[in-house]
């Protein structure tokens, strides 16, 4: 059952993101010419660089985010790819998964602690949402993804999901709850991981989209 639900969730998320990009394009000029695709890839790559305007806290958060992003990709592939291919998380897949898990947890903690102030919901976020409503049309803007409040909501949602995601795996390695409890915690960890992965993919899309729109103004 979990394998089927995972396939449906990932297909739905990726399909919705592609459809959203087609309906609400970001950037300038043509989107599907070879030169435009190369420019888009280069632009996305430059988003990984450290901006010179960042202070030490911002630089630490960006570095932790990049390392956490790498860890997330490894955990996503090792955690779901064997399952989606009909196998199990074992052997080298499991070793790689367990190696990057503590790195991801540490990076997530740094990002949350250093970014909590920046991602506070403010009155101006509501005002920005009002400017993007359909009846007050802004070219190629979507009131849901291009509002400044959206990445903030995603940030706190991911922070909330990361707690049960981490605790269910850590506690399941102990003998506190017996064999049945360990199995329940393992299943809970998988469902939390699926929810986190879906939310993280949407959050990454929103962040990249908003940075590209900001740079193209």
N, C-alpha and C. Protein backbone atom coordinates (compact mmCIF):
# COMPACT_ATOMS: atom_id res chain seq x y z
N UNK A 1 0.83 -1.21 0.00
CA UNK A 1 0.00 0.00 0.00
C UNK A 1 0.86 1.26 0.00
N UNK A 2 1.89 1.29 0.84
CA UNK A 2 2.73 2.48 0.93
C UNK A 2 3.41 2.77 -0.41
N UNK A 3 3.82 1.72 -1.12
CA UNK A 3 4.47 1.89 -2.42
C UNK A 3 3.52 2.54 -3.41
N UNK A 4 2.27 2.08 -3.44
CA UNK A 4 1.29 2.65 -4.37
C UNK A 4 0.98 4.10 -4.03
N UNK A 5 0.81 4.38 -2.73
CA UNK A 5 0.53 5.75 -2.31
C UNK A 5 1.71 6.66 -2.65
N UNK A 6 2.93 6.18 -2.47
CA UNK A 6 4.12 6.97 -2.78
C UNK A 6 4.17 7.31 -4.26
N UNK A 7 3.89 6.32 -5.11
CA UNK A 7 3.86 6.56 -6.55
C UNK A 7 2.83 7.62 -6.91
N UNK A 8 1.66 7.52 -6.31
CA UNK A 8 0.60 8.48 -6.60
C UNK A 8 0.98 9.87 -6.12
N UNK A 9 1.54 9.97 -4.91
CA UNK A 9 1.90 11.27 -4.35
C UNK A 9 2.98 11.94 -5.18
N UNK A 10 4.05 11.24 -5.52
CA UNK A 10 5.13 11.84 -6.30
C UNK A 10 4.67 12.22 -7.70
N UNK A 11 3.85 11.36 -8.31
CA UNK A 11 3.33 11.68 -9.64
C UNK A 11 2.43 12.91 -9.59
N UNK A 12 1.61 13.00 -8.55
CA UNK A 12 0.70 14.14 -8.41
C UNK A 12 1.47 15.43 -8.15
N UNK A 13 2.46 15.37 -7.26
CA UNK A 13 3.24 16.57 -6.93
C UNK A 13 4.01 17.06 -8.15
N UNK A 14 4.75 16.17 -8.80
CA UNK A 14 5.54 16.58 -9.96
C UNK A 14 4.64 17.04 -11.10
N UNK A 15 3.52 16.37 -11.30
CA UNK A 15 2.60 16.78 -12.35
C UNK A 15 2.01 18.16 -12.08
N UNK A 16 1.64 18.42 -10.83
CA UNK A 16 1.08 19.73 -10.48
C UNK A 16 2.11 20.84 -10.63
N UNK A 17 3.37 20.56 -10.27
CA UNK A 17 4.41 21.58 -10.40
C UNK A 17 4.68 21.91 -11.86
N UNK A 18 4.74 20.88 -12.72
CA UNK A 18 4.95 21.12 -14.15
C UNK A 18 3.77 21.89 -14.73
N UNK A 19 2.56 21.49 -14.38
CA UNK A 19 1.37 22.19 -14.88
C UNK A 19 1.34 23.63 -14.41
N UNK A 20 1.72 23.85 -13.16
CA UNK A 20 1.73 25.21 -12.63
C UNK A 20 2.74 26.08 -13.39
N UNK A 21 3.91 25.51 -13.69
CA UNK A 21 4.92 26.27 -14.43
C UNK A 21 4.44 26.62 -15.84
N UNK A 22 3.68 25.72 -16.45
CA UNK A 22 3.16 25.98 -17.79
C UNK A 22 2.10 27.07 -17.77
N UNK A 23 1.27 27.07 -16.73
CA UNK A 23 0.19 28.06 -16.64
C UNK A 23 0.71 29.40 -16.15
N UNK A 24 1.65 29.38 -15.18
CA UNK A 24 2.20 30.62 -14.61
C UNK A 24 3.72 30.62 -14.80
N UNK A 25 4.20 30.95 -15.99
CA UNK A 25 5.65 30.92 -16.25
C UNK A 25 6.37 32.00 -15.47
N UNK A 26 7.63 31.75 -15.17
CA UNK A 26 8.47 32.76 -14.53
C UNK A 26 9.72 32.95 -15.38
N UNK A 27 10.32 34.11 -15.31
CA UNK A 27 11.47 34.41 -16.15
C UNK A 27 11.05 35.26 -17.34
N UNK A 28 11.95 35.42 -18.27
CA UNK A 28 11.70 36.27 -19.43
C UNK A 28 11.91 35.50 -20.71
N UNK A 29 11.26 35.97 -21.77
CA UNK A 29 11.48 35.40 -23.09
C UNK A 29 10.86 34.02 -23.24
N UNK A 30 11.25 33.36 -24.33
CA UNK A 30 10.76 32.02 -24.60
C UNK A 30 11.30 31.03 -23.59
N UNK A 31 10.49 30.00 -23.33
CA UNK A 31 10.84 29.08 -22.25
C UNK A 31 11.43 27.77 -22.72
N UNK A 32 11.14 27.34 -23.94
CA UNK A 32 11.47 25.99 -24.34
C UNK A 32 12.48 25.91 -25.49
N UNK A 33 13.10 27.01 -25.84
CA UNK A 33 14.18 26.96 -26.82
C UNK A 33 15.45 26.46 -26.12
N UNK A 34 16.38 25.86 -26.87
CA UNK A 34 17.63 25.37 -26.24
C UNK A 34 18.36 26.45 -25.45
N UNK A 35 18.46 27.66 -26.00
CA UNK A 35 19.17 28.73 -25.30
C UNK A 35 18.45 29.12 -24.02
N UNK A 36 17.11 29.14 -24.07
CA UNK A 36 16.34 29.51 -22.88
C UNK A 36 16.49 28.44 -21.79
N UNK A 37 16.51 27.18 -22.17
CA UNK A 37 16.68 26.11 -21.19
C UNK A 37 18.07 26.16 -20.55
N UNK A 38 19.09 26.47 -21.38
CA UNK A 38 20.45 26.58 -20.83
C UNK A 38 20.54 27.75 -19.87
N UNK A 39 19.94 28.89 -20.26
CA UNK A 39 19.94 30.06 -19.37
C UNK A 39 19.24 29.75 -18.07
N UNK A 40 18.12 29.02 -18.15
CA UNK A 40 17.38 28.69 -16.95
C UNK A 40 18.21 27.80 -16.02
N UNK A 41 18.92 26.82 -16.60
CA UNK A 41 19.76 25.93 -15.79
C UNK A 41 20.90 26.71 -15.14
N UNK A 42 21.51 27.62 -15.90
CA UNK A 42 22.59 28.43 -15.35
C UNK A 42 22.07 29.32 -14.24
N UNK A 43 20.88 29.90 -14.45
CA UNK A 43 20.28 30.77 -13.44
C UNK A 43 20.01 29.99 -12.16
N UNK A 44 19.45 28.78 -12.29
CA UNK A 44 19.19 27.97 -11.11
C UNK A 44 20.49 27.61 -10.39
N UNK A 45 21.55 27.36 -11.17
CA UNK A 45 22.84 27.03 -10.56
C UNK A 45 23.41 28.21 -9.78
N UNK A 46 23.23 29.42 -10.31
CA UNK A 46 23.76 30.60 -9.62
C UNK A 46 23.03 30.87 -8.32
N UNK A 47 21.81 30.35 -8.17
CA UNK A 47 21.07 30.53 -6.92
C UNK A 47 21.75 29.82 -5.76
N UNK A 48 22.66 28.89 -6.07
CA UNK A 48 23.36 28.15 -5.03
C UNK A 48 24.52 28.95 -4.44
N UNK A 49 24.93 30.02 -5.12
CA UNK A 49 26.07 30.80 -4.66
C UNK A 49 25.69 31.64 -3.43
N UNK A 50 26.71 32.00 -2.66
CA UNK A 50 26.50 32.86 -1.50
C UNK A 50 26.49 34.32 -1.94
N UNK A 51 25.39 35.02 -1.61
CA UNK A 51 25.32 36.43 -1.95
C UNK A 51 26.27 37.24 -1.06
N UNK A 52 26.90 38.25 -1.65
CA UNK A 52 27.86 39.06 -0.89
C UNK A 52 27.18 39.89 0.18
N UNK A 53 25.87 40.13 0.01
CA UNK A 53 25.15 40.97 0.98
C UNK A 53 24.79 40.21 2.26
N UNK A 54 25.00 38.91 2.28
CA UNK A 54 24.63 38.12 3.45
C UNK A 54 25.58 38.38 4.62
N UNK A 55 25.02 38.43 5.82
CA UNK A 55 25.86 38.52 7.01
C UNK A 55 26.30 37.11 7.41
N UNK A 56 26.99 36.99 8.54
CA UNK A 56 27.51 35.67 8.91
C UNK A 56 26.40 34.67 9.19
N UNK A 57 25.28 35.17 9.76
CA UNK A 57 24.15 34.29 10.02
C UNK A 57 23.52 33.80 8.73
N UNK A 58 23.40 34.73 7.76
CA UNK A 58 22.84 34.35 6.47
C UNK A 58 23.72 33.37 5.73
N UNK A 59 25.04 33.57 5.81
CA UNK A 59 25.97 32.65 5.16
C UNK A 59 25.91 31.27 5.79
N UNK A 60 25.83 31.24 7.12
CA UNK A 60 25.73 29.95 7.81
C UNK A 60 24.44 29.24 7.42
N UNK A 61 23.34 29.99 7.35
CA UNK A 61 22.06 29.39 6.98
C UNK A 61 22.11 28.87 5.55
N UNK A 62 22.72 29.63 4.63
CA UNK A 62 22.79 29.20 3.24
C UNK A 62 23.66 27.96 3.10
N UNK A 63 24.79 27.91 3.79
CA UNK A 63 25.65 26.74 3.73
C UNK A 63 24.95 25.51 4.31
N UNK A 64 24.26 25.70 5.44
CA UNK A 64 23.52 24.60 6.04
C UNK A 64 22.39 24.15 5.13
N UNK A 65 21.76 25.11 4.46
CA UNK A 65 20.68 24.77 3.53
C UNK A 65 21.21 23.95 2.36
N UNK A 66 22.35 24.35 1.80
CA UNK A 66 22.91 23.63 0.66
C UNK A 66 23.33 22.21 1.04
N UNK A 67 23.99 22.08 2.19
CA UNK A 67 24.38 20.75 2.65
C UNK A 67 23.14 19.91 2.99
N UNK A 68 22.15 20.56 3.59
CA UNK A 68 20.91 19.86 3.90
C UNK A 68 20.16 19.45 2.63
N UNK A 69 20.24 20.29 1.59
CA UNK A 69 19.61 19.97 0.32
C UNK A 69 20.26 18.74 -0.31
N UNK A 70 21.59 18.69 -0.27
CA UNK A 70 22.31 17.52 -0.77
C UNK A 70 21.90 16.27 0.01
N UNK A 71 21.85 16.40 1.33
CA UNK A 71 21.45 15.26 2.16
C UNK A 71 20.02 14.84 1.87
N UNK A 72 19.14 15.82 1.67
CA UNK A 72 17.74 15.52 1.36
C UNK A 72 17.63 14.73 0.06
N UNK A 73 18.39 15.12 -0.95
CA UNK A 73 18.34 14.42 -2.24
C UNK A 73 18.82 12.97 -2.07
N UNK A 74 19.91 12.78 -1.31
CA UNK A 74 20.41 11.43 -1.07
C UNK A 74 19.38 10.60 -0.30
N UNK A 75 18.81 11.18 0.75
CA UNK A 75 17.81 10.47 1.54
C UNK A 75 16.56 10.16 0.73
N UNK A 76 16.17 11.09 -0.13
CA UNK A 76 15.00 10.88 -0.98
C UNK A 76 15.22 9.71 -1.93
N UNK A 77 16.40 9.69 -2.56
CA UNK A 77 16.70 8.62 -3.51
C UNK A 77 16.86 7.27 -2.82
N UNK A 78 17.63 7.26 -1.73
CA UNK A 78 17.88 5.98 -1.05
C UNK A 78 16.64 5.48 -0.32
N UNK A 79 15.80 6.39 0.15
CA UNK A 79 14.63 5.98 0.90
C UNK A 79 13.47 5.51 0.04
N UNK A 80 13.30 6.14 -1.15
CA UNK A 80 12.12 5.83 -1.97
C UNK A 80 12.44 5.07 -3.25
N UNK A 81 13.62 5.28 -3.82
CA UNK A 81 13.92 4.63 -5.10
C UNK A 81 13.88 3.10 -5.00
N UNK A 82 14.54 2.48 -4.00
CA UNK A 82 14.43 1.02 -3.91
C UNK A 82 12.99 0.55 -3.74
N UNK A 83 12.21 1.30 -2.96
CA UNK A 83 10.81 0.93 -2.74
C UNK A 83 10.01 1.03 -4.02
N UNK A 84 10.18 2.13 -4.76
CA UNK A 84 9.42 2.33 -5.98
C UNK A 84 9.80 1.32 -7.06
N UNK A 85 11.04 0.80 -6.98
CA UNK A 85 11.49 -0.22 -7.94
C UNK A 85 11.12 -1.63 -7.50
N UNK A 86 10.39 -1.73 -6.40
CA UNK A 86 9.93 -3.03 -5.94
C UNK A 86 10.85 -3.72 -4.96
N UNK A 87 11.90 -3.02 -4.49
CA UNK A 87 12.84 -3.62 -3.55
C UNK A 87 12.63 -3.12 -2.13
N UNK A 88 13.70 -3.19 -1.35
CA UNK A 88 13.65 -2.74 0.05
C UNK A 88 14.87 -1.89 0.35
N UNK A 89 14.75 -1.11 1.41
CA UNK A 89 15.87 -0.30 1.86
C UNK A 89 16.80 -1.19 2.68
N UNK A 90 17.86 -1.66 2.06
CA UNK A 90 18.79 -2.56 2.72
C UNK A 90 20.15 -2.46 2.06
N UNK A 91 21.14 -3.09 2.65
CA UNK A 91 22.48 -3.12 2.08
C UNK A 91 23.11 -1.75 1.99
N UNK A 92 23.74 -1.48 0.84
CA UNK A 92 24.42 -0.20 0.64
C UNK A 92 23.44 0.97 0.63
N UNK A 93 22.21 0.74 0.15
CA UNK A 93 21.20 1.79 0.19
C UNK A 93 20.95 2.24 1.62
N UNK A 94 20.82 1.26 2.52
CA UNK A 94 20.56 1.56 3.93
C UNK A 94 21.77 2.25 4.57
N UNK A 95 22.98 1.79 4.26
CA UNK A 95 24.19 2.42 4.81
C UNK A 95 24.29 3.87 4.38
N UNK A 96 24.02 4.14 3.11
CA UNK A 96 24.07 5.51 2.61
C UNK A 96 22.98 6.36 3.24
N UNK A 97 21.82 5.78 3.41
CA UNK A 97 20.70 6.49 4.03
C UNK A 97 21.03 6.87 5.47
N UNK A 98 21.58 5.92 6.21
CA UNK A 98 21.91 6.17 7.61
C UNK A 98 23.09 7.13 7.76
N UNK A 99 23.97 7.19 6.77
CA UNK A 99 25.11 8.12 6.83
C UNK A 99 24.66 9.56 6.69
N UNK A 100 23.73 9.81 5.78
CA UNK A 100 23.32 11.19 5.51
C UNK A 100 22.19 11.67 6.43
N UNK A 101 21.53 10.75 7.12
CA UNK A 101 20.42 11.15 8.00
C UNK A 101 20.86 12.11 9.10
N UNK A 102 21.93 11.82 9.87
CA UNK A 102 22.32 12.78 10.91
C UNK A 102 22.81 14.11 10.34
N UNK A 103 23.42 14.07 9.15
CA UNK A 103 23.84 15.33 8.51
C UNK A 103 22.63 16.18 8.20
N UNK A 104 21.60 15.56 7.66
CA UNK A 104 20.38 16.29 7.34
C UNK A 104 19.72 16.86 8.59
N UNK A 105 19.68 16.07 9.66
CA UNK A 105 19.06 16.54 10.90
C UNK A 105 19.80 17.76 11.45
N UNK A 106 21.14 17.70 11.44
CA UNK A 106 21.94 18.83 11.94
C UNK A 106 21.72 20.07 11.09
N UNK A 107 21.71 19.91 9.77
CA UNK A 107 21.51 21.05 8.87
C UNK A 107 20.11 21.64 9.04
N UNK A 108 19.11 20.77 9.19
CA UNK A 108 17.74 21.26 9.39
C UNK A 108 17.63 22.06 10.67
N UNK A 109 18.31 21.61 11.72
CA UNK A 109 18.28 22.34 12.99
C UNK A 109 18.91 23.72 12.84
N UNK A 110 20.03 23.79 12.12
CA UNK A 110 20.71 25.08 11.91
C UNK A 110 19.83 26.02 11.09
N UNK A 111 19.22 25.50 10.04
CA UNK A 111 18.36 26.33 9.18
C UNK A 111 17.17 26.86 9.97
N UNK A 112 16.55 26.03 10.78
CA UNK A 112 15.38 26.47 11.56
C UNK A 112 15.80 27.52 12.59
N UNK A 113 16.90 27.29 13.29
CA UNK A 113 17.32 28.23 14.34
C UNK A 113 17.77 29.57 13.76
N UNK A 114 18.47 29.55 12.64
CA UNK A 114 18.97 30.80 12.06
C UNK A 114 17.94 31.48 11.16
N UNK A 115 16.91 30.74 10.73
CA UNK A 115 15.93 31.32 9.82
C UNK A 115 14.59 31.63 10.46
N UNK A 116 14.44 31.35 11.76
CA UNK A 116 13.15 31.57 12.41
C UNK A 116 12.72 33.03 12.35
N UNK A 117 13.66 33.93 12.57
CA UNK A 117 13.33 35.37 12.54
C UNK A 117 12.94 35.81 11.14
N UNK A 118 13.69 35.35 10.17
CA UNK A 118 13.44 35.76 8.78
C UNK A 118 12.09 35.26 8.27
N UNK A 119 11.67 34.11 8.73
CA UNK A 119 10.45 33.49 8.21
C UNK A 119 9.24 33.73 9.11
N UNK A 120 9.27 34.80 9.89
CA UNK A 120 8.08 35.19 10.65
C UNK A 120 7.01 35.72 9.69
N UNK A 121 5.77 35.38 9.95
CA UNK A 121 4.66 35.90 9.15
C UNK A 121 4.35 37.32 9.60
N UNK A 122 4.33 38.25 8.64
CA UNK A 122 4.12 39.66 8.93
C UNK A 122 2.89 40.18 8.21
N UNK A 123 2.49 41.36 8.60
CA UNK A 123 1.32 41.98 7.99
C UNK A 123 1.54 42.24 6.50
N UNK A 124 2.77 42.58 6.12
CA UNK A 124 3.05 42.88 4.72
C UNK A 124 2.89 41.64 3.84
N UNK A 125 3.01 40.44 4.43
CA UNK A 125 2.79 39.22 3.67
C UNK A 125 1.33 39.12 3.23
N UNK A 126 0.42 39.49 4.12
CA UNK A 126 -1.01 39.50 3.79
C UNK A 126 -1.30 40.55 2.73
N UNK A 127 -0.66 41.70 2.85
CA UNK A 127 -0.85 42.76 1.86
C UNK A 127 -0.34 42.33 0.49
N UNK A 128 0.79 41.61 0.47
CA UNK A 128 1.33 41.13 -0.80
C UNK A 128 0.39 40.11 -1.42
N UNK A 129 -0.20 39.25 -0.58
CA UNK A 129 -1.17 38.28 -1.08
C UNK A 129 -2.36 38.99 -1.71
N UNK A 130 -2.80 40.06 -1.10
CA UNK A 130 -3.95 40.81 -1.64
C UNK A 130 -3.63 41.40 -3.00
N UNK A 131 -2.37 41.79 -3.22
CA UNK A 131 -1.98 42.36 -4.51
C UNK A 131 -1.96 41.31 -5.62
N UNK A 132 -1.80 40.04 -5.25
CA UNK A 132 -1.69 38.98 -6.25
C UNK A 132 -3.00 38.24 -6.48
N UNK A 133 -4.07 38.67 -5.83
CA UNK A 133 -5.34 37.99 -6.01
C UNK A 133 -5.77 38.08 -7.47
N UNK A 134 -6.52 37.10 -7.97
CA UNK A 134 -6.90 37.08 -9.38
C UNK A 134 -7.60 38.34 -9.86
N UNK A 135 -8.42 38.95 -9.01
CA UNK A 135 -9.12 40.14 -9.44
C UNK A 135 -8.20 41.36 -9.55
N UNK A 136 -6.98 41.27 -8.99
CA UNK A 136 -5.99 42.33 -9.14
C UNK A 136 -4.79 41.70 -9.85
N UNK A 137 -4.95 41.44 -11.13
CA UNK A 137 -4.03 40.60 -11.89
C UNK A 137 -2.63 41.22 -11.98
N UNK A 138 -1.63 40.40 -11.72
CA UNK A 138 -0.24 40.74 -11.95
C UNK A 138 0.27 39.73 -12.97
N UNK A 139 0.97 40.20 -14.00
CA UNK A 139 1.36 39.33 -15.11
C UNK A 139 2.11 38.09 -14.66
N UNK A 140 1.61 36.92 -15.08
CA UNK A 140 2.23 35.61 -14.81
C UNK A 140 2.38 35.30 -13.33
N UNK A 141 1.69 36.04 -12.47
CA UNK A 141 1.81 35.80 -11.03
C UNK A 141 0.69 34.90 -10.54
N UNK A 142 1.03 34.07 -9.59
CA UNK A 142 0.04 33.19 -8.96
C UNK A 142 -0.10 33.61 -7.50
N UNK A 143 -1.32 33.83 -7.06
CA UNK A 143 -1.54 34.32 -5.70
C UNK A 143 -1.09 33.31 -4.66
N UNK A 144 -1.00 32.04 -5.04
CA UNK A 144 -0.66 31.01 -4.07
C UNK A 144 0.86 30.84 -3.94
N UNK A 145 1.57 30.73 -5.05
CA UNK A 145 3.01 30.44 -4.99
C UNK A 145 3.89 31.68 -4.94
N UNK A 146 3.41 32.80 -5.45
CA UNK A 146 4.25 33.99 -5.54
C UNK A 146 4.05 34.97 -4.39
N UNK A 147 3.20 34.63 -3.45
CA UNK A 147 3.03 35.46 -2.27
C UNK A 147 4.20 35.24 -1.32
N UNK A 148 4.65 36.28 -0.65
CA UNK A 148 5.79 36.16 0.26
C UNK A 148 5.49 35.29 1.47
N UNK A 149 4.21 35.07 1.75
CA UNK A 149 3.85 34.24 2.90
C UNK A 149 3.99 32.75 2.60
N UNK A 150 3.94 32.36 1.32
CA UNK A 150 3.95 30.94 0.97
C UNK A 150 5.22 30.22 1.41
N UNK A 151 6.43 30.72 1.09
CA UNK A 151 7.62 30.01 1.57
C UNK A 151 7.75 30.01 3.08
N UNK A 152 7.17 31.01 3.75
CA UNK A 152 7.21 31.05 5.21
C UNK A 152 6.33 29.95 5.80
N UNK A 153 5.15 29.79 5.23
CA UNK A 153 4.27 28.71 5.68
C UNK A 153 4.93 27.36 5.42
N UNK A 154 5.56 27.22 4.24
CA UNK A 154 6.26 25.98 3.93
C UNK A 154 7.41 25.71 4.88
N UNK A 155 8.11 26.76 5.25
CA UNK A 155 9.24 26.64 6.18
C UNK A 155 8.78 26.05 7.51
N UNK A 156 7.71 26.60 8.07
CA UNK A 156 7.23 26.13 9.36
C UNK A 156 6.55 24.78 9.26
N UNK A 157 5.93 24.50 8.12
CA UNK A 157 5.34 23.18 7.93
C UNK A 157 6.43 22.10 7.90
N UNK A 158 7.51 22.36 7.18
CA UNK A 158 8.62 21.41 7.13
C UNK A 158 9.28 21.26 8.50
N UNK A 159 9.40 22.37 9.22
CA UNK A 159 9.98 22.30 10.56
C UNK A 159 9.13 21.43 11.47
N UNK A 160 7.80 21.54 11.33
CA UNK A 160 6.90 20.75 12.17
C UNK A 160 6.97 19.26 11.80
N UNK A 161 7.00 18.95 10.50
CA UNK A 161 7.05 17.55 10.07
C UNK A 161 8.38 16.92 10.42
N UNK A 162 9.45 17.72 10.45
CA UNK A 162 10.78 17.16 10.72
C UNK A 162 10.89 16.57 12.13
N UNK A 163 10.07 17.07 13.06
CA UNK A 163 10.12 16.54 14.43
C UNK A 163 9.67 15.08 14.50
N UNK A 164 8.44 14.75 14.07
CA UNK A 164 8.07 13.32 14.09
C UNK A 164 8.91 12.49 13.13
N UNK A 165 9.35 13.09 12.04
CA UNK A 165 10.20 12.37 11.09
C UNK A 165 11.49 11.90 11.76
N UNK A 166 12.09 12.77 12.56
CA UNK A 166 13.34 12.44 13.23
C UNK A 166 13.10 11.52 14.44
N UNK A 167 12.11 11.87 15.24
CA UNK A 167 11.89 11.12 16.48
C UNK A 167 11.44 9.69 16.24
N UNK A 168 10.59 9.48 15.24
CA UNK A 168 10.12 8.12 14.98
C UNK A 168 11.26 7.19 14.59
N UNK A 169 12.24 7.72 13.85
CA UNK A 169 13.36 6.87 13.46
C UNK A 169 14.30 6.66 14.63
N UNK A 170 14.57 7.73 15.39
CA UNK A 170 15.51 7.60 16.50
C UNK A 170 14.97 6.68 17.58
N UNK A 171 13.69 6.83 17.92
CA UNK A 171 13.11 6.02 18.98
C UNK A 171 12.95 4.57 18.54
N UNK A 172 12.71 4.34 17.24
CA UNK A 172 12.53 2.97 16.76
C UNK A 172 13.81 2.16 16.87
N UNK A 173 14.96 2.81 17.04
CA UNK A 173 16.23 2.09 17.18
C UNK A 173 16.45 1.61 18.61
N UNK A 174 15.57 1.98 19.51
CA UNK A 174 15.67 1.52 20.90
C UNK A 174 14.70 0.36 21.13
N UNK A 175 14.74 -0.20 22.31
CA UNK A 175 13.83 -1.31 22.67
C UNK A 175 12.75 -0.87 23.64
N UNK A 176 12.49 0.42 23.69
CA UNK A 176 11.54 0.95 24.66
C UNK A 176 10.11 0.46 24.40
N UNK A 177 9.75 0.29 23.15
CA UNK A 177 8.36 -0.03 22.81
C UNK A 177 8.18 -1.44 22.27
N UNK A 178 9.20 -2.25 22.33
CA UNK A 178 9.06 -3.63 21.89
C UNK A 178 9.05 -3.76 20.38
N UNK A 179 8.87 -5.00 19.91
CA UNK A 179 8.91 -5.26 18.47
C UNK A 179 7.76 -4.60 17.74
N UNK A 180 6.55 -4.71 18.27
CA UNK A 180 5.39 -4.11 17.61
C UNK A 180 5.50 -2.58 17.60
N UNK A 181 5.99 -2.03 18.70
CA UNK A 181 6.19 -0.58 18.74
C UNK A 181 7.22 -0.12 17.74
N UNK A 182 8.29 -0.88 17.57
CA UNK A 182 9.32 -0.53 16.59
C UNK A 182 8.76 -0.55 15.18
N UNK A 183 7.94 -1.55 14.88
CA UNK A 183 7.33 -1.62 13.55
C UNK A 183 6.39 -0.45 13.32
N UNK A 184 5.61 -0.09 14.36
CA UNK A 184 4.69 1.05 14.21
C UNK A 184 5.48 2.35 14.00
N UNK A 185 6.57 2.53 14.73
CA UNK A 185 7.39 3.72 14.58
C UNK A 185 8.04 3.77 13.20
N UNK A 186 8.47 2.61 12.70
CA UNK A 186 9.06 2.56 11.36
C UNK A 186 8.04 2.94 10.30
N UNK A 187 6.82 2.43 10.43
CA UNK A 187 5.77 2.80 9.48
C UNK A 187 5.44 4.29 9.58
N UNK A 188 5.39 4.81 10.81
CA UNK A 188 5.12 6.24 10.99
C UNK A 188 6.23 7.08 10.36
N UNK A 189 7.47 6.61 10.49
CA UNK A 189 8.60 7.31 9.88
C UNK A 189 8.46 7.38 8.37
N UNK A 190 8.02 6.30 7.76
CA UNK A 190 7.87 6.29 6.30
C UNK A 190 6.79 7.27 5.85
N UNK A 191 5.67 7.30 6.59
CA UNK A 191 4.61 8.23 6.19
C UNK A 191 5.03 9.68 6.41
N UNK A 192 5.75 9.94 7.51
CA UNK A 192 6.27 11.29 7.75
C UNK A 192 7.27 11.68 6.66
N UNK A 193 8.10 10.71 6.25
CA UNK A 193 9.07 10.98 5.19
C UNK A 193 8.37 11.32 3.88
N UNK A 194 7.29 10.64 3.58
CA UNK A 194 6.54 10.92 2.35
C UNK A 194 5.93 12.31 2.41
N UNK A 195 5.33 12.66 3.55
CA UNK A 195 4.75 14.00 3.69
C UNK A 195 5.83 15.07 3.60
N UNK A 196 6.98 14.83 4.24
CA UNK A 196 8.07 15.80 4.21
C UNK A 196 8.60 15.96 2.79
N UNK A 197 8.79 14.86 2.07
CA UNK A 197 9.32 14.93 0.71
C UNK A 197 8.39 15.71 -0.21
N UNK A 198 7.08 15.45 -0.11
CA UNK A 198 6.12 16.17 -0.95
C UNK A 198 6.13 17.66 -0.63
N UNK A 199 6.13 18.00 0.66
CA UNK A 199 6.15 19.41 1.05
C UNK A 199 7.46 20.07 0.67
N UNK A 200 8.58 19.35 0.79
CA UNK A 200 9.89 19.91 0.46
C UNK A 200 10.01 20.19 -1.03
N UNK A 201 9.50 19.31 -1.88
CA UNK A 201 9.54 19.55 -3.33
C UNK A 201 8.74 20.79 -3.69
N UNK A 202 7.59 20.96 -3.08
CA UNK A 202 6.78 22.17 -3.33
C UNK A 202 7.49 23.41 -2.81
N UNK A 203 8.11 23.32 -1.65
CA UNK A 203 8.82 24.46 -1.08
C UNK A 203 10.01 24.85 -1.95
N UNK A 204 10.76 23.89 -2.44
CA UNK A 204 11.89 24.17 -3.31
C UNK A 204 11.43 24.84 -4.61
N UNK A 205 10.33 24.37 -5.15
CA UNK A 205 9.78 24.98 -6.36
C UNK A 205 9.40 26.44 -6.11
N UNK A 206 8.73 26.69 -4.99
CA UNK A 206 8.30 28.05 -4.66
C UNK A 206 9.51 28.97 -4.46
N UNK A 207 10.53 28.49 -3.73
CA UNK A 207 11.72 29.30 -3.49
C UNK A 207 12.44 29.64 -4.79
N UNK A 208 12.65 28.65 -5.64
CA UNK A 208 13.32 28.89 -6.92
C UNK A 208 12.51 29.85 -7.78
N UNK A 209 11.21 29.66 -7.81
CA UNK A 209 10.34 30.51 -8.61
C UNK A 209 10.38 31.96 -8.13
N UNK A 210 10.30 32.15 -6.83
CA UNK A 210 10.30 33.52 -6.31
C UNK A 210 11.66 34.20 -6.52
N UNK A 211 12.76 33.45 -6.39
CA UNK A 211 14.08 34.06 -6.63
C UNK A 211 14.26 34.42 -8.10
N UNK A 212 13.77 33.58 -9.00
CA UNK A 212 13.88 33.89 -10.42
C UNK A 212 13.04 35.11 -10.76
N UNK A 213 11.82 35.19 -10.25
CA UNK A 213 10.97 36.35 -10.51
C UNK A 213 11.59 37.62 -9.94
N UNK A 214 12.23 37.50 -8.77
CA UNK A 214 12.87 38.67 -8.16
C UNK A 214 14.05 39.14 -9.01
N UNK A 215 14.85 38.20 -9.52
CA UNK A 215 16.02 38.56 -10.31
C UNK A 215 15.65 39.11 -11.68
N UNK A 216 14.46 38.78 -12.17
CA UNK A 216 14.03 39.21 -13.51
C UNK A 216 13.27 40.51 -13.51
N UNK A 217 13.10 41.10 -12.34
CA UNK A 217 12.36 42.38 -12.30
C UNK A 217 13.20 43.49 -12.91
